[in-house]
PDB file of N, CA and C in Angstrom:
ATOM      1  N   MET A   1       0.802  -1.188   0.000  1.00  0.00           N
ATOM      2  CA  MET A   1       0.000   0.000   0.000  1.00  0.00           C
ATOM      3  C   MET A   1       0.853   1.263   0.000  1.00  0.00           C
ATOM      4  N   GLU A   2       1.949   1.196   0.704  1.00  0.00           N
ATOM      5  CA  GLU A   2       2.867   2.328   0.767  1.00  0.00           C
ATOM      6  C   GLU A   2       3.412   2.676  -0.626  1.00  0.00           C
ATOM      7  N   THR A   3       3.734   1.656  -1.439  1.00  0.00           N
ATOM      8  CA  THR A   3       4.273   1.858  -2.771  1.00  0.00           C
ATOM      9  C   THR A   3       3.249   2.536  -3.680  1.00  0.00           C
ATOM     10  N   LEU A   4       2.001   2.132  -3.577  1.00  0.00           N
ATOM     11  CA  LEU A   4       0.943   2.715  -4.387  1.00  0.00           C
ATOM     12  C   LEU A   4       0.791   4.207  -4.104  1.00  0.00           C
ATOM     13  N   ASN A   5       0.804   4.593  -2.848  1.00  0.00           N
ATOM     14  CA  ASN A   5       0.685   6.005  -2.490  1.00  0.00           C
ATOM     15  C   ASN A   5       1.880   6.819  -2.980  1.00  0.00           C
ATOM     16  N   LYS A   6       3.071   6.211  -2.922  1.00  0.00           N
ATOM     17  CA  LYS A   6       4.264   6.923  -3.350  1.00  0.00           C
ATOM     18  C   LYS A   6       4.218   7.216  -4.853  1.00  0.00           C
ATOM     19  N   SER A   7       3.822   6.229  -5.667  1.00  0.00           N
ATOM     20  CA  SER A   7       3.748   6.451  -7.109  1.00  0.00           C
ATOM     21  C   SER A   7       2.604   7.385  -7.473  1.00  0.00           C
ATOM     22  N   ALA A   8       1.541   7.386  -6.748  1.00  0.00           N
ATOM     23  CA  ALA A   8       0.417   8.281  -7.014  1.00  0.00           C
ATOM     24  C   ALA A   8       0.800   9.726  -6.764  1.00  0.00           C
ATOM     25  N   LYS A   9       1.686   9.954  -5.788  1.00  0.00           N
ATOM     26  CA  LYS A   9       2.111  11.323  -5.486  1.00  0.00           C
ATOM     27  C   LYS A   9       3.083  11.849  -6.534  1.00  0.00           C
ATOM     28  N   THR A  10       3.955  11.000  -7.096  1.00  0.00           N
ATOM     29  CA  THR A  10       4.960  11.463  -8.042  1.00  0.00           C
ATOM     30  C   THR A  10       4.432  11.565  -9.466  1.00  0.00           C
ATOM     31  N   MET A  11       3.388  10.862  -9.808  1.00  0.00           N
ATOM     32  CA  MET A  11       2.870  10.863 -11.165  1.00  0.00           C
ATOM     33  C   MET A  11       2.400  12.243 -11.622  1.00  0.00           C
ATOM     34  N   PRO A  12       1.624  12.984 -10.849  1.00  0.00           N
ATOM     35  CA  PRO A  12       1.225  14.314 -11.300  1.00  0.00           C
ATOM     36  C   PRO A  12       2.436  15.240 -11.513  1.00  0.00           C
ATOM     37  N   SER A  13       3.461  15.084 -10.707  1.00  0.00           N
ATOM     38  CA  SER A  13       4.657  15.902 -10.856  1.00  0.00           C
ATOM     39  C   SER A  13       5.347  15.585 -12.180  1.00  0.00           C
ATOM     40  N   ARG A  14       5.459  14.342 -12.561  1.00  0.00           N
ATOM     41  CA  ARG A  14       6.066  13.946 -13.824  1.00  0.00           C
ATOM     42  C   ARG A  14       5.223  14.448 -14.996  1.00  0.00           C
ATOM     43  N   THR A  15       3.925  14.344 -14.863  1.00  0.00           N
ATOM     44  CA  THR A  15       3.035  14.821 -15.919  1.00  0.00           C
ATOM     45  C   THR A  15       3.182  16.327 -16.103  1.00  0.00           C
ATOM     46  N   ARG A  16       3.275  17.053 -14.996  1.00  0.00           N
ATOM     47  CA  ARG A  16       3.451  18.496 -15.057  1.00  0.00           C
ATOM     48  C   ARG A  16       4.777  18.862 -15.737  1.00  0.00           C
ATOM     49  N   ILE A  17       5.839  18.174 -15.387  1.00  0.00           N
ATOM     50  CA  ILE A  17       7.144  18.442 -15.979  1.00  0.00           C
ATOM     51  C   ILE A  17       7.115  18.165 -17.478  1.00  0.00           C
ATOM     52  N   LEU A  18       6.495  17.050 -17.865  1.00  0.00           N
ATOM     53  CA  LEU A  18       6.393  16.704 -19.281  1.00  0.00           C
ATOM     54  C   LEU A  18       5.562  17.752 -20.039  1.00  0.00           C
ATOM     55  N   LEU A  19       4.482  18.182 -19.450  1.00  0.00           N
ATOM     56  CA  LEU A  19       3.634  19.196 -20.069  1.00  0.00           C
ATOM     57  C   LEU A  19       4.380  20.529 -20.226  1.00  0.00           C
ATOM     58  N   ILE A  20       5.119  20.914 -19.211  1.00  0.00           N
ATOM     59  CA  ILE A  20       5.902  22.151 -19.284  1.00  0.00           C
ATOM     60  C   ILE A  20       6.980  22.029 -20.351  1.00  0.00           C
ATOM     61  N   ALA A  21       7.648  20.896 -20.425  1.00  0.00           N
ATOM     62  CA  ALA A  21       8.704  20.689 -21.420  1.00  0.00           C
ATOM     63  C   ALA A  21       8.132  20.743 -22.837  1.00  0.00           C
ATOM     64  N   GLN A  22       6.970  20.118 -23.044  1.00  0.00           N
ATOM     65  CA  GLN A  22       6.343  20.152 -24.364  1.00  0.00           C
ATOM     66  C   GLN A  22       5.924  21.576 -24.744  1.00  0.00           C
ATOM     67  N   THR A  23       5.381  22.311 -23.797  1.00  0.00           N
ATOM     68  CA  THR A  23       4.965  23.685 -24.054  1.00  0.00           C
ATOM     69  C   THR A  23       6.161  24.561 -24.418  1.00  0.00           C
ATOM     70  N   LEU A  24       7.252  24.421 -23.667  1.00  0.00           N
ATOM     71  CA  LEU A  24       8.449  25.203 -23.970  1.00  0.00           C
ATOM     72  C   LEU A  24       9.015  24.840 -25.337  1.00  0.00           C
ATOM     73  N   ALA A  25       8.981  23.563 -25.696  1.00  0.00           N
ATOM     74  CA  ALA A  25       9.487  23.145 -27.002  1.00  0.00           C
ATOM     75  C   ALA A  25       8.636  23.726 -28.128  1.00  0.00           C
ATOM     76  N   LEU A  26       7.331  23.771 -27.948  1.00  0.00           N
ATOM     77  CA  LEU A  26       6.449  24.344 -28.961  1.00  0.00           C
ATOM     78  C   LEU A  26       6.628  25.853 -29.083  1.00  0.00           C
ATOM     79  N   LEU A  27       6.775  26.543 -27.956  1.00  0.00           N
ATOM     80  CA  LEU A  27       6.924  27.993 -27.986  1.00  0.00           C
ATOM     81  C   LEU A  27       8.273  28.418 -28.544  1.00  0.00           C
ATOM     82  N   ALA A  28       9.279  27.580 -28.420  1.00  0.00           N
ATOM     83  CA  ALA A  28      10.606  27.927 -28.928  1.00  0.00           C
ATOM     84  C   ALA A  28      10.597  28.046 -30.453  1.00  0.00           C
ATOM     85  N   GLY A  29       9.706  27.341 -31.114  1.00  0.00           N
ATOM     86  CA  GLY A  29       9.640  27.386 -32.577  1.00  0.00           C
ATOM     87  C   GLY A  29       8.751  28.481 -33.116  1.00  0.00           C
ATOM     88  N   CYS A  30       8.084  29.228 -32.267  1.00  0.00           N
ATOM     89  CA  CYS A  30       7.178  30.291 -32.717  1.00  0.00           C
ATOM     90  C   CYS A  30       7.940  31.593 -32.902  1.00  0.00           C
ATOM     91  N   THR A  31       7.674  32.266 -34.005  1.00  0.00           N
ATOM     92  CA  THR A  31       8.233  33.602 -34.221  1.00  0.00           C
ATOM     93  C   THR A  31       7.107  34.553 -34.555  1.00  0.00           C
ATOM     94  N   VAL A  32       7.265  35.770 -34.108  1.00  0.00           N
ATOM     95  CA  VAL A  32       6.285  36.809 -34.398  1.00  0.00           C
ATOM     96  C   VAL A  32       6.954  37.784 -35.354  1.00  0.00           C
ATOM     97  N   THR A  33       6.363  37.964 -36.522  1.00  0.00           N
ATOM     98  CA  THR A  33       6.897  38.885 -37.512  1.00  0.00           C
ATOM     99  C   THR A  33       6.009  40.114 -37.563  1.00  0.00           C
ATOM    100  N   PRO A  34       6.562  41.270 -37.195  1.00  0.00           N
ATOM    101  CA  PRO A  34       5.741  42.486 -37.233  1.00  0.00           C
ATOM    102  C   PRO A  34       5.468  42.929 -38.666  1.00  0.00           C
ATOM    103  N   ASP A  35       4.395  43.673 -38.853  1.00  0.00           N
ATOM    104  CA  ASP A  35       4.079  44.226 -40.161  1.00  0.00           C
ATOM    105  C   ASP A  35       5.126  45.261 -40.546  1.00  0.00           C
ATOM    106  N   GLN A  36       5.421  45.353 -41.840  1.00  0.00           N
ATOM    107  CA  GLN A  36       6.386  46.329 -42.323  1.00  0.00           C
ATOM    108  C   GLN A  36       5.763  47.713 -42.270  1.00  0.00           C
ATOM    109  N   VAL A  37       6.533  48.672 -41.782  1.00  0.00           N
ATOM    110  CA  VAL A  37       6.064  50.046 -41.669  1.00  0.00           C
ATOM    111  C   VAL A  37       6.390  50.786 -42.963  1.00  0.00           C
ATOM    112  N   HIS A  38       5.408  51.434 -43.539  1.00  0.00           N
ATOM    113  CA  HIS A  38       5.591  52.233 -44.748  1.00  0.00           C
ATOM    114  C   HIS A  38       5.338  53.688 -44.387  1.00  0.00           C
ATOM    115  N   PRO A  39       6.391  54.516 -44.393  1.00  0.00           N
ATOM    116  CA  PRO A  39       6.206  55.926 -44.035  1.00  0.00           C
ATOM    117  C   PRO A  39       5.270  56.633 -45.006  1.00  0.00           C
ATOM    118  N   GLN A  40       4.469  57.530 -44.485  1.00  0.00           N
ATOM    119  CA  GLN A  40       3.490  58.248 -45.292  1.00  0.00           C
ATOM    120  C   GLN A  40       3.842  59.727 -45.443  1.00  0.00           C
ATOM    121  N   VAL A  41       5.026  60.112 -44.958  1.00  0.00           N
ATOM    122  CA  VAL A  41       5.441  61.514 -45.063  1.00  0.00           C
ATOM    123  C   VAL A  41       6.816  61.581 -45.711  1.00  0.00           C
ATOM    124  N   ALA A  42       7.195  62.750 -46.135  1.00  0.00           N
ATOM    125  CA  ALA A  42       8.504  62.956 -46.757  1.00  0.00           C
ATOM    126  C   ALA A  42       9.612  62.723 -45.737  1.00  0.00           C
ATOM    127  N   SER A  43      10.724  62.186 -46.220  1.00  0.00           N
ATOM    128  CA  SER A  43      11.865  61.962 -45.344  1.00  0.00           C
ATOM    129  C   SER A  43      12.655  63.261 -45.186  1.00  0.00           C
ATOM    130  N   PHE A  44      13.488  63.292 -44.160  1.00  0.00           N
ATOM    131  CA  PHE A  44      14.317  64.461 -43.925  1.00  0.00           C
ATOM    132  C   PHE A  44      15.555  64.398 -44.809  1.00  0.00           C
ATOM    133  N   ASP A  45      15.905  65.526 -45.359  1.00  0.00           N
ATOM    134  CA  ASP A  45      17.157  65.697 -46.092  1.00  0.00           C
ATOM    135  C   ASP A  45      17.850  66.876 -45.417  1.00  0.00           C
ATOM    136  N   GLY A  46      18.781  66.566 -44.532  1.00  0.00           N
ATOM    137  CA  GLY A  46      19.360  67.614 -43.696  1.00  0.00           C
ATOM    138  C   GLY A  46      18.333  68.031 -42.661  1.00  0.00           C
ATOM    139  N   ASP A  47      18.073  69.324 -42.565  1.00  0.00           N
ATOM    140  CA  ASP A  47      17.095  69.833 -41.594  1.00  0.00           C
ATOM    141  C   ASP A  47      15.695  69.977 -42.173  1.00  0.00           C
ATOM    142  N   ALA A  48      15.541  69.764 -43.465  1.00  0.00           N
ATOM    143  CA  ALA A  48      14.251  69.973 -44.125  1.00  0.00           C
ATOM    144  C   ALA A  48      13.575  68.638 -44.430  1.00  0.00           C
ATOM    145  N   GLN A  49      12.279  68.590 -44.175  1.00  0.00           N
ATOM    146  CA  GLN A  49      11.509  67.382 -44.453  1.00  0.00           C
ATOM    147  C   GLN A  49      10.922  67.493 -45.855  1.00  0.00           C
ATOM    148  N   ASN A  50      11.807  67.281 -46.858  1.00  0.00           N
ATOM    149  CA  ASN A  50      11.382  67.467 -48.243  1.00  0.00           C
ATOM    150  C   ASN A  50      11.843  66.340 -49.164  1.00  0.00           C
ATOM    151  N   SER A  51      12.448  65.306 -48.630  1.00  0.00           N
ATOM    152  CA  SER A  51      12.965  64.170 -49.416  1.00  0.00           C
ATOM    153  C   SER A  51      13.946  64.599 -50.496  1.00  0.00           C
ATOM    154  N   GLY A  52      14.552  65.762 -50.325  1.00  0.00           N
ATOM    155  CA  GLY A  52      15.546  66.223 -51.274  1.00  0.00           C
ATOM    156  C   GLY A  52      15.013  67.063 -52.407  1.00  0.00           C
ATOM    157  N   VAL A  53      13.701  67.242 -52.480  1.00  0.00           N
ATOM    158  CA  VAL A  53      13.110  68.087 -53.525  1.00  0.00           C
ATOM    159  C   VAL A  53      12.900  69.480 -52.928  1.00  0.00           C
ATOM    160  N   ILE A  54      13.600  70.447 -53.488  1.00  0.00           N
ATOM    161  CA  ILE A  54      13.550  71.798 -52.921  1.00  0.00           C
ATOM    162  C   ILE A  54      12.350  72.573 -53.462  1.00  0.00           C
ATOM    163  N   ALA A  55      12.186  72.578 -54.792  1.00  0.00           N
ATOM    164  CA  ALA A  55      11.093  73.363 -55.373  1.00  0.00           C
ATOM    165  C   ALA A  55      10.845  72.952 -56.810  1.00  0.00           C
ATOM    166  N   ALA A  56       9.596  73.161 -57.245  1.00  0.00           N
ATOM    167  CA  ALA A  56       9.255  73.026 -58.665  1.00  0.00           C
ATOM    168  C   ALA A  56       9.638  74.330 -59.343  1.00  0.00           C
ATOM    169  N   MET A  57      10.164  74.215 -60.551  1.00  0.00           N
ATOM    170  CA  MET A  57      10.617  75.392 -61.279  1.00  0.00           C
ATOM    171  C   MET A  57       9.791  75.565 -62.547  1.00  0.00           C
ATOM    172  N   PRO A  58       9.792  76.744 -63.130  1.00  0.00           N
ATOM    173  CA  PRO A  58       9.084  76.947 -64.392  1.00  0.00           C
ATOM    174  C   PRO A  58       9.637  76.013 -65.474  1.00  0.00           C
ATOM    175  N   GLY A  59       8.785  75.542 -66.322  1.00  0.00           N
ATOM    176  CA  GLY A  59       9.224  74.653 -67.399  1.00  0.00           C
ATOM    177  C   GLY A  59       9.220  73.185 -67.010  1.00  0.00           C
ATOM    178  N   GLY A  60       8.729  72.853 -65.831  1.00  0.00           N
ATOM    179  CA  GLY A  60       8.620  71.451 -65.433  1.00  0.00           C
ATOM    180  C   GLY A  60       9.874  70.862 -64.818  1.00  0.00           C
ATOM    181  N   GLU A  61      10.872  71.684 -64.524  1.00  0.00           N
ATOM    182  CA  GLU A  61      12.079  71.169 -63.887  1.00  0.00           C
ATOM    183  C   GLU A  61      11.949  71.294 -62.373  1.00  0.00           C
ATOM    184  N   TRP A  62      12.840  70.597 -61.665  1.00  0.00           N
ATOM    185  CA  TRP A  62      12.801  70.549 -60.201  1.00  0.00           C
ATOM    186  C   TRP A  62      14.170  70.871 -59.646  1.00  0.00           C
ATOM    187  N   SER A  63      14.200  71.652 -58.589  1.00  0.00           N
ATOM    188  CA  SER A  63      15.438  71.910 -57.860  1.00  0.00           C
ATOM    189  C   SER A  63      15.559  70.826 -56.786  1.00  0.00           C
ATOM    190  N   VAL A  64      16.682  70.090 -56.801  1.00  0.00           N
ATOM    191  CA  VAL A  64      16.875  68.970 -55.873  1.00  0.00           C
ATOM    192  C   VAL A  64      18.230  69.099 -55.182  1.00  0.00           C
ATOM    193  N   THR A  65      18.371  68.414 -54.049  1.00  0.00           N
ATOM    194  CA  THR A  65      19.614  68.466 -53.283  1.00  0.00           C
ATOM    195  C   THR A  65      20.626  67.460 -53.815  1.00  0.00           C
ATOM    196  N   ALA A  66      21.859  67.617 -53.358  1.00  0.00           N
ATOM    197  CA  ALA A  66      22.913  66.668 -53.726  1.00  0.00           C
ATOM    198  C   ALA A  66      22.592  65.270 -53.190  1.00  0.00           C
ATOM    199  N   HIS A  67      21.952  65.210 -52.048  1.00  0.00           N
ATOM    200  CA  HIS A  67      21.575  63.908 -51.491  1.00  0.00           C
ATOM    201  C   HIS A  67      20.535  63.210 -52.373  1.00  0.00           C
ATOM    202  N   TRP A  68      19.577  63.955 -52.896  1.00  0.00           N
ATOM    203  CA  TRP A  68      18.580  63.382 -53.820  1.00  0.00           C
ATOM    204  C   TRP A  68      19.292  62.814 -55.035  1.00  0.00           C
ATOM    205  N   ARG A  69      20.243  63.570 -55.579  1.00  0.00           N
ATOM    206  CA  ARG A  69      21.021  63.120 -56.737  1.00  0.00           C
ATOM    207  C   ARG A  69      21.787  61.834 -56.401  1.00  0.00           C
ATOM    208  N   ASP A  70      22.394  61.766 -55.219  1.00  0.00           N
ATOM    209  CA  ASP A  70      23.121  60.557 -54.807  1.00  0.00           C
ATOM    210  C   ASP A  70      22.179  59.349 -54.746  1.00  0.00           C
ATOM    211  N   ARG A  71      20.983  59.565 -54.214  1.00  0.00           N
ATOM    212  CA  ARG A  71      20.003  58.470 -54.145  1.00  0.00           C
ATOM    213  C   ARG A  71      19.565  58.051 -55.545  1.00  0.00           C
ATOM    214  N   PHE A  72      19.333  59.026 -56.432  1.00  0.00           N
ATOM    215  CA  PHE A  72      18.963  58.729 -57.816  1.00  0.00           C
ATOM    216  C   PHE A  72      20.039  57.865 -58.470  1.00  0.00           C
ATOM    217  N   ASN A  73      21.297  58.263 -58.318  1.00  0.00           N
ATOM    218  CA  ASN A  73      22.392  57.522 -58.950  1.00  0.00           C
ATOM    219  C   ASN A  73      22.536  56.120 -58.375  1.00  0.00           C
ATOM    220  N   ALA A  74      22.354  55.967 -57.072  1.00  0.00           N
ATOM    221  CA  ALA A  74      22.427  54.631 -56.452  1.00  0.00           C
ATOM    222  C   ALA A  74      21.289  53.742 -56.957  1.00  0.00           C
ATOM    223  N   LEU A  75      20.096  54.301 -57.063  1.00  0.00           N
ATOM    224  CA  LEU A  75      18.956  53.528 -57.575  1.00  0.00           C
ATOM    225  C   LEU A  75      19.150  53.170 -59.047  1.00  0.00           C
ATOM    226  N   SER A  76      19.760  54.070 -59.828  1.00  0.00           N
ATOM    227  CA  SER A  76      19.951  53.802 -61.257  1.00  0.00           C
ATOM    228  C   SER A  76      20.904  52.635 -61.486  1.00  0.00           C
ATOM    229  N   VAL A  77      21.852  52.425 -60.585  1.00  0.00           N
ATOM    230  CA  VAL A  77      22.777  51.287 -60.710  1.00  0.00           C
ATOM    231  C   VAL A  77      22.010  49.976 -60.550  1.00  0.00           C
ATOM    232  N   THR A  78      21.114  49.934 -59.578  1.00  0.00           N
ATOM    233  CA  THR A  78      20.377  48.701 -59.283  1.00  0.00           C
ATOM    234  C   THR A  78      19.173  48.490 -60.193  1.00  0.00           C
ATOM    235  N   TYR A  79      18.407  49.541 -60.439  1.00  0.00           N
ATOM    236  CA  TYR A  79      17.125  49.389 -61.141  1.00  0.00           C
ATOM    237  C   TYR A  79      17.088  50.027 -62.531  1.00  0.00           C
ATOM    238  N   GLY A  80      18.157  50.678 -62.938  1.00  0.00           N
ATOM    239  CA  GLY A  80      18.177  51.355 -64.239  1.00  0.00           C
ATOM    240  C   GLY A  80      17.981  50.416 -65.410  1.00  0.00           C
ATOM    241  N   THR A  81      18.381  49.155 -65.252  1.00  0.00           N
ATOM    242  CA  THR A  81      18.235  48.183 -66.340  1.00  0.00           C
ATOM    243  C   THR A  81      16.785  47.750 -66.551  1.00  0.00           C
ATOM    244  N   ASN A  82      15.902  48.105 -65.636  1.00  0.00           N
ATOM    245  CA  ASN A  82      14.483  47.763 -65.780  1.00  0.00           C
ATOM    246  C   ASN A  82      13.764  48.707 -66.741  1.00  0.00           C
ATOM    247  N   PHE A  83      14.442  49.723 -67.248  1.00  0.00           N
ATOM    248  CA  PHE A  83      13.825  50.735 -68.094  1.00  0.00           C
ATOM    249  C   PHE A  83      14.425  50.687 -69.496  1.00  0.00           C
ATOM    250  N   ILE A  84      13.607  51.083 -70.467  1.00  0.00           N
ATOM    251  CA  ILE A  84      14.083  51.199 -71.849  1.00  0.00           C
ATOM    252  C   ILE A  84      13.818  52.642 -72.280  1.00  0.00           C
ATOM    253  N   PRO A  85      14.818  53.421 -72.608  1.00  0.00           N
ATOM    254  CA  PRO A  85      16.237  53.091 -72.499  1.00  0.00           C
ATOM    255  C   PRO A  85      16.677  53.030 -71.039  1.00  0.00           C
ATOM    256  N   ARG A  86      17.805  52.374 -70.815  1.00  0.00           N
ATOM    257  CA  ARG A  86      18.340  52.184 -69.469  1.00  0.00           C
ATOM    258  C   ARG A  86      18.592  53.544 -68.806  1.00  0.00           C
ATOM    259  N   ILE A  87      18.249  53.642 -67.523  1.00  0.00           N
ATOM    260  CA  ILE A  87      18.508  54.867 -66.767  1.00  0.00           C
ATOM    261  C   ILE A  87      19.939  54.799 -66.242  1.00  0.00           C
ATOM    262  N   THR A  88      20.702  55.831 -66.514  1.00  0.00           N
ATOM    263  CA  THR A  88      22.088  55.888 -66.058  1.00  0.00           C
ATOM    264  C   THR A  88      22.249  56.989 -65.015  1.00  0.00           C
ATOM    265  N   ALA A  89      23.395  57.008 -64.377  1.00  0.00           N
ATOM    266  CA  ALA A  89      23.684  58.031 -63.369  1.00  0.00           C
ATOM    267  C   ALA A  89      23.575  59.417 -63.997  1.00  0.00           C
ATOM    268  N   ASP A  90      22.975  60.319 -63.276  1.00  0.00           N
ATOM    269  CA  ASP A  90      22.808  61.722 -63.679  1.00  0.00           C
ATOM    270  C   ASP A  90      21.968  61.917 -64.937  1.00  0.00           C
ATOM    271  N   ALA A  91      21.178  60.923 -65.322  1.00  0.00           N
ATOM    272  CA  ALA A  91      20.304  61.070 -66.488  1.00  0.00           C
ATOM    273  C   ALA A  91      19.214  62.093 -66.173  1.00  0.00           C
ATOM    274  N   GLY A  92      19.240  63.223 -66.872  1.00  0.00           N
ATOM    275  CA  GLY A  92      18.244  64.268 -66.658  1.00  0.00           C
ATOM    276  C   GLY A  92      18.558  65.181 -65.490  1.00  0.00           C
ATOM    277  N   ILE A  93      19.784  65.128 -64.969  1.00  0.00           N
ATOM    278  CA  ILE A  93      20.171  65.945 -63.816  1.00  0.00           C
ATOM    279  C   ILE A  93      21.387  66.792 -64.204  1.00  0.00           C
ATOM    280  N   THR A  94      21.299  68.091 -63.932  1.00  0.00           N
ATOM    281  CA  THR A  94      22.423  68.994 -64.211  1.00  0.00           C
ATOM    282  C   THR A  94      22.728  69.805 -62.955  1.00  0.00           C
ATOM    283  N   PRO A  95      23.992  70.130 -62.745  1.00  0.00           N
ATOM    284  CA  PRO A  95      24.341  70.936 -61.565  1.00  0.00           C
ATOM    285  C   PRO A  95      23.845  72.367 -61.692  1.00  0.00           C
ATOM    286  N   SER A  96      23.513  72.937 -60.566  1.00  0.00           N
ATOM    287  CA  SER A  96      23.108  74.338 -60.505  1.00  0.00           C
ATOM    288  C   SER A  96      24.278  75.133 -59.912  1.00  0.00           C
ATOM    289  N   THR A  97      24.131  76.422 -59.811  1.00  0.00           N
ATOM    290  CA  THR A  97      25.240  77.252 -59.338  1.00  0.00           C
ATOM    291  C   THR A  97      25.390  77.262 -57.814  1.00  0.00           C
ATOM    292  N   ASN A  98      24.382  76.888 -57.061  1.00  0.00           N
ATOM    293  CA  ASN A  98      24.431  77.024 -55.604  1.00  0.00           C
ATOM    294  C   ASN A  98      24.605  75.685 -54.868  1.00  0.00           C
ATOM    295  N   GLY A  99      25.158  74.667 -55.527  1.00  0.00           N
ATOM    296  CA  GLY A  99      25.374  73.375 -54.875  1.00  0.00           C
ATOM    297  C   GLY A  99      24.190  72.445 -54.961  1.00  0.00           C
ATOM    298  N   THR A 100      23.107  72.912 -55.557  1.00  0.00           N
ATOM    299  CA  THR A 100      21.945  72.045 -55.772  1.00  0.00           C
ATOM    300  C   THR A 100      21.972  71.562 -57.213  1.00  0.00           C
ATOM    301  N   PHE A 101      20.943  70.825 -57.589  1.00  0.00           N
ATOM    302  CA  PHE A 101      20.880  70.273 -58.939  1.00  0.00           C
ATOM    303  C   PHE A 101      19.508  70.545 -59.531  1.00  0.00           C
ATOM    304  N   ILE A 102      19.443  70.546 -60.860  1.00  0.00           N
ATOM    305  CA  ILE A 102      18.183  70.693 -61.585  1.00  0.00           C
ATOM    306  C   ILE A 102      17.866  69.339 -62.208  1.00  0.00           C
ATOM    307  N   ALA A 103      16.679  68.807 -61.902  1.00  0.00           N
ATOM    308  CA  ALA A 103      16.241  67.524 -62.452  1.00  0.00           C
ATOM    309  C   ALA A 103      15.048  67.753 -63.365  1.00  0.00           C
ATOM    310  N   THR A 104      15.040  67.069 -64.487  1.00  0.00           N
ATOM    311  CA  THR A 104      13.890  67.155 -65.390  1.00  0.00           C
ATOM    312  C   THR A 104      12.710  66.427 -64.755  1.00  0.00           C
ATOM    313  N   SER A 105      11.531  66.714 -65.258  1.00  0.00           N
ATOM    314  CA  SER A 105      10.350  66.020 -64.735  1.00  0.00           C
ATOM    315  C   SER A 105      10.450  64.519 -65.002  1.00  0.00           C
ATOM    316  N   GLN A 106      11.093  64.132 -66.099  1.00  0.00           N
ATOM    317  CA  GLN A 106      11.283  62.707 -66.391  1.00  0.00           C
ATOM    318  C   GLN A 106      12.221  62.062 -65.375  1.00  0.00           C
ATOM    319  N   ALA A 107      13.260  62.768 -64.968  1.00  0.00           N
ATOM    320  CA  ALA A 107      14.184  62.239 -63.963  1.00  0.00           C
ATOM    321  C   ALA A 107      13.470  62.058 -62.622  1.00  0.00           C
ATOM    322  N   VAL A 108      12.613  63.008 -62.258  1.00  0.00           N
ATOM    323  CA  VAL A 108      11.863  62.900 -61.001  1.00  0.00           C
ATOM    324  C   VAL A 108      10.885  61.728 -61.073  1.00  0.00           C
ATOM    325  N   ALA A 109      10.221  61.564 -62.216  1.00  0.00           N
ATOM    326  CA  ALA A 109       9.297  60.434 -62.385  1.00  0.00           C
ATOM    327  C   ALA A 109      10.063  59.102 -62.332  1.00  0.00           C
ATOM    328  N   ASN A 110      11.226  59.041 -62.975  1.00  0.00           N
ATOM    329  CA  ASN A 110      12.032  57.819 -62.946  1.00  0.00           C
ATOM    330  C   ASN A 110      12.516  57.516 -61.531  1.00  0.00           C
ATOM    331  N   PHE A 111      12.873  58.568 -60.786  1.00  0.00           N
ATOM    332  CA  PHE A 111      13.267  58.368 -59.396  1.00  0.00           C
ATOM    333  C   PHE A 111      12.127  57.730 -58.606  1.00  0.00           C
ATOM    334  N   GLY A 112      10.925  58.246 -58.802  1.00  0.00           N
ATOM    335  CA  GLY A 112       9.768  57.690 -58.091  1.00  0.00           C
ATOM    336  C   GLY A 112       9.536  56.230 -58.430  1.00  0.00           C
ATOM    337  N   LYS A 113       9.654  55.879 -59.709  1.00  0.00           N
ATOM    338  CA  LYS A 113       9.470  54.478 -60.117  1.00  0.00           C
ATOM    339  C   LYS A 113      10.553  53.582 -59.543  1.00  0.00           C
ATOM    340  N   MET A 114      11.801  54.039 -59.588  1.00  0.00           N
ATOM    341  CA  MET A 114      12.895  53.231 -59.034  1.00  0.00           C
ATOM    342  C   MET A 114      12.770  53.098 -57.523  1.00  0.00           C
ATOM    343  N   ASN A 115      12.323  54.155 -56.861  1.00  0.00           N
ATOM    344  CA  ASN A 115      12.141  54.107 -55.414  1.00  0.00           C
ATOM    345  C   ASN A 115      11.043  53.116 -55.033  1.00  0.00           C
ATOM    346  N   LEU A 116       9.971  53.052 -55.842  1.00  0.00           N
ATOM    347  CA  LEU A 116       8.921  52.046 -55.598  1.00  0.00           C
ATOM    348  C   LEU A 116       9.466  50.631 -55.774  1.00  0.00           C
ATOM    349  N   LEU A 117      10.305  50.422 -56.786  1.00  0.00           N
ATOM    350  CA  LEU A 117      10.932  49.103 -56.959  1.00  0.00           C
ATOM    351  C   LEU A 117      11.781  48.751 -55.753  1.00  0.00           C
ATOM    352  N   TYR A 118      12.527  49.731 -55.263  1.00  0.00           N
ATOM    353  CA  TYR A 118      13.373  49.508 -54.087  1.00  0.00           C
ATOM    354  C   TYR A 118      12.530  49.146 -52.869  1.00  0.00           C
ATOM    355  N   LYS A 119      11.449  49.873 -52.645  1.00  0.00           N
ATOM    356  CA  LYS A 119      10.610  49.644 -51.466  1.00  0.00           C
ATOM    357  C   LYS A 119       9.814  48.336 -51.570  1.00  0.00           C
ATOM    358  N   SER A 120       9.594  47.837 -52.769  1.00  0.00           N
ATOM    359  CA  SER A 120       8.821  46.602 -52.922  1.00  0.00           C
ATOM    360  C   SER A 120       9.664  45.351 -52.728  1.00  0.00           C
ATOM    361  N   GLN A 121      10.986  45.517 -52.633  1.00  0.00           N
ATOM    362  CA  GLN A 121      11.868  44.356 -52.439  1.00  0.00           C
ATOM    363  C   GLN A 121      11.784  43.883 -50.993  1.00  0.00           C
ATOM    364  N   PRO A 122      11.687  42.562 -50.773  1.00  0.00           N
ATOM    365  CA  PRO A 122      11.679  42.057 -49.394  1.00  0.00           C
ATOM    366  C   PRO A 122      13.028  42.308 -48.734  1.00  0.00           C
ATOM    367  N   ARG A 123      13.013  42.566 -47.497  1.00  0.00           N
ATOM    368  CA  ARG A 123      14.252  42.827 -46.739  1.00  0.00           C
ATOM    369  C   ARG A 123      14.557  41.673 -45.833  1.00  0.00           C
TER     370      ARG A 123
END
């Protein structure tokens, strides 16, 4: 009778340990992936929140920063081959006298398309 009582007392403890071990093993394989955040406002370029676009100019051209030009050129290396004709560095961009650049409306549109391609790539 003593043996029966001893095994009855230890059995729930073993069951509890097994249940805890199984639960921990199942939870170890679970991962939570957060949703990707897509910004809805312009990014900062220096102190200005303008994404590098300074102003629209007469004739459909745009005044842009050197940083915008750098981003355009980096995107053209990766995604320029997706366009016909191929987009190359500084395509439609000319330097201005004050350290900024003038971009054609086509260059700005191409930047937007390449930026969408960049943002659609899984990370």
